[in-house]
N, C-alpha and C. Protein backbone atom coordinates (compact mmCIF):
# COMPACT_ATOMS: atom_id res chain seq x y z
N MET A 1 0.94 -1.14 -0.11
CA MET A 1 -0.16 0.05 0.04
C MET A 1 0.74 1.29 -0.01
N LEU A 2 0.63 2.26 -0.87
CA LEU A 2 1.56 3.43 -1.01
C LEU A 2 0.90 4.56 0.02
N ALA A 3 -0.56 4.62 0.04
CA ALA A 3 -0.95 5.74 0.95
C ALA A 3 -2.19 5.10 1.37
N SER A 4 -2.24 5.34 3.06
CA SER A 4 -3.51 5.18 3.97
C SER A 4 -4.35 6.23 3.68
N SER A 5 -5.31 6.17 4.54
CA SER A 5 -6.42 7.05 4.70
C SER A 5 -6.18 8.69 5.16
N ASP A 6 -5.20 8.63 5.79
CA ASP A 6 -4.67 10.10 6.25
C ASP A 6 -3.93 10.93 5.04
N ILE A 7 -3.19 10.17 4.48
CA ILE A 7 -2.78 10.62 3.08
C ILE A 7 -3.25 10.73 2.16
N VAL A 8 -4.37 9.75 1.79
CA VAL A 8 -5.40 10.16 0.76
C VAL A 8 -6.07 11.28 0.67
N GLN A 9 -6.40 11.64 1.96
CA GLN A 9 -7.38 12.78 2.09
C GLN A 9 -6.63 14.18 1.87
N GLN A 10 -5.26 14.08 1.91
CA GLN A 10 -4.29 15.17 1.59
C GLN A 10 -4.20 15.25 -0.02
N LEU A 11 -4.47 14.42 -0.74
CA LEU A 11 -4.08 14.10 -2.25
C LEU A 11 -5.39 14.26 -3.16
N ILE A 12 -6.67 14.32 -2.44
CA ILE A 12 -7.97 14.63 -3.26
C ILE A 12 -8.44 15.79 -2.52
N PRO A 13 -9.20 16.42 -3.68
CA PRO A 13 -9.88 17.80 -2.97
C PRO A 13 -11.21 17.37 -2.45
N GLN A 14 -11.67 16.35 -2.32
CA GLN A 14 -12.80 15.98 -1.42
C GLN A 14 -12.63 15.83 -0.21
N LYS A 15 -13.57 16.33 0.58
CA LYS A 15 -13.35 16.21 2.13
C LYS A 15 -14.60 15.45 2.76
N ASN A 16 -14.30 14.61 3.66
CA ASN A 16 -15.49 14.11 4.58
C ASN A 16 -16.86 14.85 4.60
N PRO A 17 -18.19 14.45 4.52
CA PRO A 17 -18.19 12.88 4.45
C PRO A 17 -18.33 12.48 2.93
N MET A 18 -17.68 13.28 1.91
CA MET A 18 -17.76 13.10 0.44
C MET A 18 -16.52 12.04 0.01
N VAL A 19 -15.64 11.65 0.81
CA VAL A 19 -14.36 11.10 0.59
C VAL A 19 -14.91 9.33 -0.11
N MET A 20 -14.46 8.90 -0.88
CA MET A 20 -15.05 7.46 -1.26
C MET A 20 -14.10 6.40 -1.78
N VAL A 21 -12.49 7.09 -1.36
CA VAL A 21 -11.31 6.12 -1.44
C VAL A 21 -10.87 6.13 -0.26
N ASP A 22 -10.18 5.24 0.15
CA ASP A 22 -9.12 5.52 1.43
C ASP A 22 -7.87 4.92 1.51
N THR A 23 -7.43 4.09 0.31
CA THR A 23 -6.15 3.77 0.13
C THR A 23 -5.84 3.80 -1.19
N LEU A 24 -4.55 4.13 -1.60
CA LEU A 24 -3.73 4.07 -2.84
C LEU A 24 -2.97 2.75 -2.66
N ILE A 25 -3.42 1.44 -3.16
CA ILE A 25 -2.86 0.19 -3.16
C ILE A 25 -1.40 0.15 -4.10
N ARG A 26 -1.64 0.58 -5.36
CA ARG A 26 -0.55 0.70 -6.39
C ARG A 26 -0.74 1.79 -7.23
N HIS A 27 0.68 2.39 -7.77
CA HIS A 27 0.33 3.33 -8.97
C HIS A 27 1.83 2.86 -9.67
N GLU A 28 1.44 2.86 -10.99
CA GLU A 28 2.35 2.73 -12.15
C GLU A 28 1.98 3.67 -13.10
N ASP A 29 2.86 3.72 -14.24
CA ASP A 29 2.69 4.64 -15.29
C ASP A 29 1.37 4.99 -15.66
N GLN A 30 0.50 4.17 -16.17
CA GLN A 30 -0.74 4.56 -16.79
C GLN A 30 -1.91 3.83 -15.82
N GLN A 31 -1.36 3.04 -14.75
CA GLN A 31 -2.37 2.28 -14.05
C GLN A 31 -2.34 2.70 -12.25
N SER A 32 -3.74 2.85 -11.94
CA SER A 32 -3.51 3.03 -10.29
C SER A 32 -4.49 2.19 -9.80
N ILE A 33 -4.32 1.74 -8.48
CA ILE A 33 -5.41 0.86 -7.75
C ILE A 33 -5.66 1.28 -6.79
N THR A 34 -6.82 1.62 -6.23
CA THR A 34 -7.17 2.03 -5.06
C THR A 34 -8.33 1.37 -4.27
N GLY A 35 -8.40 1.45 -2.94
CA GLY A 35 -9.23 0.61 -1.95
C GLY A 35 -10.16 1.35 -1.48
N PHE A 36 -11.39 1.06 -0.95
CA PHE A 36 -12.59 1.69 -0.36
C PHE A 36 -13.20 0.80 0.55
N CYS A 37 -13.43 1.06 1.77
CA CYS A 37 -14.05 0.16 2.68
C CYS A 37 -15.66 1.04 3.03
N ILE A 38 -16.52 0.17 2.61
CA ILE A 38 -17.84 1.13 2.61
C ILE A 38 -18.45 0.93 4.16
N GLN A 39 -18.88 2.03 4.55
CA GLN A 39 -19.37 2.08 5.87
C GLN A 39 -21.11 2.11 5.98
N ASP A 40 -21.48 1.54 6.88
CA ASP A 40 -23.05 1.79 7.03
C ASP A 40 -23.35 3.11 6.73
N ASN A 41 -22.87 4.09 7.36
CA ASN A 41 -23.09 5.46 7.42
C ASN A 41 -22.78 6.76 6.25
N ASN A 42 -22.35 5.61 5.09
CA ASN A 42 -21.86 6.42 3.96
C ASN A 42 -23.05 7.03 3.26
N LEU A 43 -22.80 8.40 2.68
CA LEU A 43 -23.66 9.08 2.10
C LEU A 43 -24.38 8.24 0.98
N PHE A 44 -23.68 7.40 0.28
CA PHE A 44 -24.37 6.51 -1.05
C PHE A 44 -24.74 5.04 -0.58
N THR A 45 -24.82 5.02 0.94
CA THR A 45 -25.29 3.51 1.33
C THR A 45 -26.70 4.04 1.63
N GLU A 46 -27.63 2.95 1.15
CA GLU A 46 -28.84 2.49 1.33
C GLU A 46 -29.55 1.33 1.51
N HIS A 47 -30.10 0.97 2.42
CA HIS A 47 -30.60 -0.37 2.53
C HIS A 47 -29.59 -1.56 2.59
N GLY A 48 -28.32 -1.01 3.10
CA GLY A 48 -27.47 -1.82 3.42
C GLY A 48 -26.53 -2.09 1.89
N TYR A 49 -26.87 -1.28 0.85
CA TYR A 49 -25.81 -1.50 -0.15
C TYR A 49 -25.54 -0.25 -0.68
N PHE A 50 -24.23 0.08 -1.09
CA PHE A 50 -23.30 1.14 -2.09
C PHE A 50 -23.86 1.43 -3.10
N SER A 51 -24.53 2.51 -3.49
CA SER A 51 -25.19 2.79 -4.79
C SER A 51 -24.45 2.66 -5.97
N ALA A 52 -25.10 2.92 -7.07
CA ALA A 52 -24.48 3.05 -8.46
C ALA A 52 -23.85 4.56 -8.57
N GLU A 53 -24.25 5.61 -7.91
CA GLU A 53 -23.61 6.92 -7.65
C GLU A 53 -22.42 7.00 -7.02
N GLY A 54 -22.61 6.06 -5.90
CA GLY A 54 -21.42 5.86 -5.11
C GLY A 54 -20.31 5.06 -5.48
N LEU A 55 -20.50 4.42 -6.72
CA LEU A 55 -19.60 3.58 -7.36
C LEU A 55 -18.91 4.53 -8.32
N LEU A 56 -19.86 5.37 -9.26
CA LEU A 56 -19.20 6.22 -10.12
C LEU A 56 -18.54 7.29 -9.15
N GLU A 57 -18.84 7.84 -8.03
CA GLU A 57 -17.89 8.77 -7.45
C GLU A 57 -16.74 8.13 -6.96
N ASN A 58 -16.69 6.60 -6.54
CA ASN A 58 -15.49 6.07 -6.09
C ASN A 58 -14.53 6.06 -7.47
N MET A 59 -15.12 5.76 -8.69
CA MET A 59 -14.31 5.79 -9.96
C MET A 59 -13.73 7.18 -10.09
N ALA A 60 -14.11 8.27 -9.86
CA ALA A 60 -13.86 9.59 -10.19
C ALA A 60 -12.80 9.58 -9.37
N GLN A 61 -13.09 9.56 -7.66
CA GLN A 61 -12.16 9.91 -6.73
C GLN A 61 -10.88 9.03 -6.99
N SER A 62 -10.86 7.90 -7.58
CA SER A 62 -9.55 7.27 -7.62
C SER A 62 -8.90 7.59 -8.84
N ALA A 63 -9.64 8.38 -9.70
CA ALA A 63 -8.72 9.29 -10.72
C ALA A 63 -7.99 10.29 -10.08
N ALA A 64 -8.86 11.17 -9.49
CA ALA A 64 -8.39 12.41 -8.47
C ALA A 64 -7.23 11.70 -7.59
N LEU A 65 -7.12 10.76 -6.88
CA LEU A 65 -6.22 10.10 -6.13
C LEU A 65 -4.81 10.33 -7.00
N ARG A 66 -5.02 9.32 -8.02
CA ARG A 66 -3.89 9.33 -9.14
C ARG A 66 -3.33 10.58 -9.30
N THR A 67 -3.84 11.23 -9.71
CA THR A 67 -3.69 12.89 -9.99
C THR A 67 -3.22 13.55 -8.88
N GLY A 68 -3.39 13.29 -7.72
CA GLY A 68 -2.99 13.96 -6.53
C GLY A 68 -1.59 13.31 -5.90
N TRP A 69 -1.42 12.22 -6.59
CA TRP A 69 -0.53 11.44 -5.76
C TRP A 69 0.77 11.88 -6.65
N ILE A 70 0.39 11.95 -8.33
CA ILE A 70 1.56 12.33 -9.14
C ILE A 70 2.11 13.59 -8.89
N ALA A 71 0.88 14.53 -8.68
CA ALA A 71 1.11 16.28 -8.21
C ALA A 71 2.10 16.07 -6.78
N ARG A 72 1.69 15.46 -5.92
CA ARG A 72 2.49 15.49 -4.90
C ARG A 72 4.07 14.84 -5.11
N GLN A 73 4.16 13.88 -5.96
CA GLN A 73 5.44 13.30 -6.20
C GLN A 73 6.20 14.44 -6.91
N GLU A 74 5.62 15.14 -7.64
CA GLU A 74 6.47 16.44 -8.55
C GLU A 74 6.52 17.82 -8.03
N ASN A 75 5.69 17.96 -6.52
CA ASN A 75 5.84 19.28 -5.83
C ASN A 75 7.08 19.39 -5.07
N THR A 76 7.86 20.47 -5.62
CA THR A 76 9.38 20.64 -5.00
C THR A 76 9.13 22.05 -4.21
N GLY A 77 7.88 22.80 -3.96
CA GLY A 77 7.51 23.87 -3.26
C GLY A 77 7.79 23.46 -1.71
N ASP A 78 8.02 24.39 -1.14
CA ASP A 78 7.79 24.43 0.24
C ASP A 78 6.84 24.74 0.98
N GLY A 79 5.84 25.34 0.20
CA GLY A 79 4.48 25.71 0.67
C GLY A 79 3.58 24.52 0.83
N ASP A 80 2.31 24.90 1.14
CA ASP A 80 1.34 24.04 1.18
C ASP A 80 0.94 23.25 0.01
N PHE A 81 0.84 21.92 0.02
CA PHE A 81 0.24 21.37 -0.98
C PHE A 81 -1.22 21.37 -1.11
N SER A 82 -1.80 21.76 -2.50
CA SER A 82 -3.17 21.61 -2.54
C SER A 82 -3.32 20.82 -4.14
N PRO A 83 -4.27 19.74 -3.93
CA PRO A 83 -4.49 18.59 -4.93
C PRO A 83 -5.23 19.14 -6.12
N PRO A 84 -4.83 18.99 -7.02
CA PRO A 84 -5.53 19.40 -8.57
C PRO A 84 -7.06 19.05 -8.38
N ARG A 85 -7.88 19.86 -8.91
CA ARG A 85 -9.45 19.97 -9.08
C ARG A 85 -9.45 19.62 -10.50
N GLY A 86 -10.46 18.83 -10.47
CA GLY A 86 -11.14 18.41 -11.78
C GLY A 86 -12.67 18.58 -11.62
N VAL A 87 -12.99 18.21 -12.92
CA VAL A 87 -14.71 18.10 -13.18
C VAL A 87 -14.60 16.81 -14.35
N ILE A 88 -15.77 16.08 -13.82
CA ILE A 88 -16.08 14.81 -14.86
C ILE A 88 -17.03 15.50 -16.12
N GLY A 89 -16.43 15.47 -17.56
CA GLY A 89 -17.00 15.94 -18.43
C GLY A 89 -17.66 15.15 -19.30
N ALA A 90 -17.49 13.80 -18.99
CA ALA A 90 -18.35 12.60 -19.64
C ALA A 90 -18.33 11.36 -19.12
N ILE A 91 -19.22 10.67 -19.23
CA ILE A 91 -19.10 9.44 -18.66
C ILE A 91 -19.57 8.49 -19.74
N LYS A 92 -18.87 7.31 -20.08
CA LYS A 92 -19.38 6.83 -21.18
C LYS A 92 -19.27 5.17 -20.54
N ASN A 93 -20.23 4.36 -21.15
CA ASN A 93 -20.34 2.84 -21.16
C ASN A 93 -19.94 2.43 -19.57
N PHE A 94 -20.88 3.18 -18.57
CA PHE A 94 -20.68 3.00 -17.26
C PHE A 94 -21.62 1.95 -16.73
N MET A 95 -21.35 0.66 -16.52
CA MET A 95 -22.03 -0.53 -16.47
C MET A 95 -21.80 -0.66 -14.77
N VAL A 96 -23.11 -1.26 -14.00
CA VAL A 96 -22.94 -1.69 -12.62
C VAL A 96 -23.55 -3.15 -12.71
N TYR A 97 -22.66 -4.10 -12.37
CA TYR A 97 -23.23 -5.55 -12.52
C TYR A 97 -23.85 -6.05 -11.20
N GLN A 98 -23.35 -5.49 -10.31
CA GLN A 98 -23.74 -5.90 -8.64
C GLN A 98 -23.23 -4.63 -7.83
N LEU A 99 -24.22 -4.45 -6.70
CA LEU A 99 -23.95 -3.29 -5.95
C LEU A 99 -23.27 -3.84 -4.51
N PRO A 100 -22.19 -3.62 -4.24
CA PRO A 100 -21.65 -3.85 -2.91
C PRO A 100 -22.67 -3.83 -1.53
N LYS A 101 -22.23 -4.67 -0.66
CA LYS A 101 -22.93 -4.26 0.64
C LYS A 101 -22.03 -3.32 1.46
N SER A 102 -22.70 -2.77 2.42
CA SER A 102 -21.94 -1.98 3.12
C SER A 102 -21.27 -2.98 4.20
N ASN A 103 -20.29 -2.29 4.65
CA ASN A 103 -19.22 -2.80 5.43
C ASN A 103 -18.47 -4.00 4.77
N THR A 104 -18.26 -3.99 3.82
CA THR A 104 -17.33 -4.37 2.80
C THR A 104 -16.20 -3.64 2.03
N CYS A 105 -15.47 -4.31 1.27
CA CYS A 105 -14.29 -3.30 0.35
C CYS A 105 -14.40 -3.69 -0.83
N ILE A 106 -14.21 -2.69 -1.61
CA ILE A 106 -13.76 -2.61 -3.12
C ILE A 106 -12.51 -2.39 -3.35
N THR A 107 -12.09 -2.74 -4.86
CA THR A 107 -10.51 -2.13 -5.37
C THR A 107 -11.16 -1.63 -6.49
N THR A 108 -10.62 -0.41 -7.01
CA THR A 108 -10.70 0.18 -8.30
C THR A 108 -9.54 0.52 -8.85
N THR A 109 -9.41 -0.19 -9.96
CA THR A 109 -8.40 0.09 -11.21
C THR A 109 -8.78 1.17 -12.09
N ILE A 110 -7.78 2.16 -12.32
CA ILE A 110 -7.82 3.15 -13.07
C ILE A 110 -6.92 3.17 -14.17
N VAL A 111 -7.00 3.02 -15.32
CA VAL A 111 -5.96 2.89 -16.37
C VAL A 111 -6.21 4.15 -17.13
N ILE A 112 -5.10 4.88 -17.56
CA ILE A 112 -5.20 6.01 -18.35
C ILE A 112 -5.35 5.61 -19.91
N GLN A 113 -6.32 6.30 -21.04
CA GLN A 113 -6.53 5.82 -22.15
C GLN A 113 -5.58 6.89 -22.94
N ALA A 114 -5.89 8.11 -22.39
CA ALA A 114 -5.36 9.36 -23.10
C ALA A 114 -5.19 10.52 -22.29
N GLU A 115 -4.18 11.41 -22.52
CA GLU A 115 -4.01 12.79 -21.91
C GLU A 115 -4.03 13.87 -22.73
N VAL A 116 -4.84 14.82 -23.14
CA VAL A 116 -4.50 15.79 -24.14
C VAL A 116 -4.88 17.13 -23.43
N MET A 117 -3.93 17.90 -23.26
CA MET A 117 -3.81 19.15 -22.22
C MET A 117 -4.52 18.94 -21.26
N ASN A 118 -5.47 19.55 -20.87
CA ASN A 118 -6.26 19.36 -19.36
C ASN A 118 -7.33 18.39 -19.18
N ALA A 119 -7.37 17.49 -20.37
CA ALA A 119 -8.33 16.14 -20.13
C ALA A 119 -7.91 14.98 -20.20
N THR A 120 -8.03 14.21 -19.37
CA THR A 120 -7.73 12.84 -19.24
C THR A 120 -8.79 11.83 -19.55
N MET A 121 -8.65 11.00 -20.36
CA MET A 121 -9.76 9.82 -20.45
C MET A 121 -9.39 8.71 -19.64
N ILE A 122 -9.87 8.07 -19.04
CA ILE A 122 -9.57 6.92 -18.23
C ILE A 122 -10.68 5.93 -18.52
N SER A 123 -10.60 4.65 -18.09
CA SER A 123 -11.08 3.36 -17.98
C SER A 123 -10.97 2.81 -16.50
N GLY A 124 -12.09 2.75 -15.80
CA GLY A 124 -12.26 2.09 -14.69
C GLY A 124 -12.83 0.79 -14.49
N ARG A 125 -12.39 0.13 -13.45
CA ARG A 125 -12.81 -1.43 -13.21
C ARG A 125 -13.22 -1.48 -11.83
N ILE A 126 -14.26 -1.74 -11.06
CA ILE A 126 -14.34 -1.84 -9.66
C ILE A 126 -14.77 -3.52 -9.56
N MET A 127 -13.78 -3.99 -8.59
CA MET A 127 -13.87 -5.25 -8.20
C MET A 127 -14.25 -5.54 -6.75
N GLN A 128 -14.85 -6.66 -6.42
CA GLN A 128 -14.88 -6.94 -4.89
C GLN A 128 -15.00 -8.47 -5.02
N ASP A 129 -14.14 -8.80 -4.05
CA ASP A 129 -13.75 -10.16 -4.00
C ASP A 129 -13.27 -10.97 -5.45
N GLN A 130 -12.71 -10.22 -6.28
CA GLN A 130 -12.11 -10.86 -7.64
C GLN A 130 -13.17 -11.02 -8.50
N VAL A 131 -14.32 -10.20 -8.24
CA VAL A 131 -15.49 -10.28 -8.84
C VAL A 131 -15.77 -8.71 -9.42
N LEU A 132 -15.73 -8.44 -11.00
CA LEU A 132 -15.99 -7.33 -11.51
C LEU A 132 -17.79 -6.74 -11.22
N ILE A 133 -17.69 -5.69 -10.76
CA ILE A 133 -18.93 -5.23 -10.22
C ILE A 133 -19.30 -3.87 -10.95
N ALA A 134 -18.40 -3.21 -11.44
CA ALA A 134 -18.92 -1.82 -12.32
C ALA A 134 -17.51 -1.87 -12.79
N GLU A 135 -17.98 -0.80 -14.27
CA GLU A 135 -16.81 -0.68 -15.09
C GLU A 135 -17.48 0.57 -16.06
N GLY A 136 -16.37 1.40 -16.60
CA GLY A 136 -16.83 2.52 -17.23
C GLY A 136 -15.77 2.97 -17.71
N GLU A 137 -15.96 4.55 -18.52
CA GLU A 137 -14.99 5.38 -19.00
C GLU A 137 -15.34 6.89 -18.30
N LEU A 138 -14.58 7.52 -18.00
CA LEU A 138 -14.70 9.12 -17.58
C LEU A 138 -13.70 10.10 -18.16
N LYS A 139 -14.21 11.11 -18.71
CA LYS A 139 -13.27 11.92 -19.30
C LYS A 139 -13.46 13.16 -18.27
N ILE A 140 -12.10 13.41 -17.94
CA ILE A 140 -11.94 14.39 -16.64
C ILE A 140 -11.15 15.63 -16.99
N PHE A 141 -11.40 17.04 -16.55
CA PHE A 141 -11.01 18.06 -16.96
C PHE A 141 -10.28 18.73 -15.92
N LEU A 142 -8.95 18.63 -15.76
CA LEU A 142 -8.59 19.42 -14.79
C LEU A 142 -8.67 20.99 -14.84
N GLN A 143 -8.75 21.45 -13.60
CA GLN A 143 -9.09 22.93 -13.56
C GLN A 143 -7.83 23.73 -13.39
């Protein structure tokens, strides 16, 4: 694991209770893997399940965590670090195959498909217990 919850919260612009990632498991050139343990009191948990909206937000925040990790590694200044902010410009082929139950953990793999100026196209796959539960593509614009 590269970063636990305390570090993760410094690397993404979202703050509690809107944080939907809690670990950075691995980061390589074009791929990052994050983890998230879903609590009963999560904003996106209803009737004991994490919603499709929560899965989408987890995917987006996994991409944000990747960007924050890279920015932190490249930060040479002595001042306070501020994570890059982005917005989702497009969602494509987002499919949810199964909603995860609360009090379970998921892992999300983000793969960079293309980066052009301030736009990044990613594909994401969310797994639970080695089973694909959601996947899709996002176009994210950094501000």
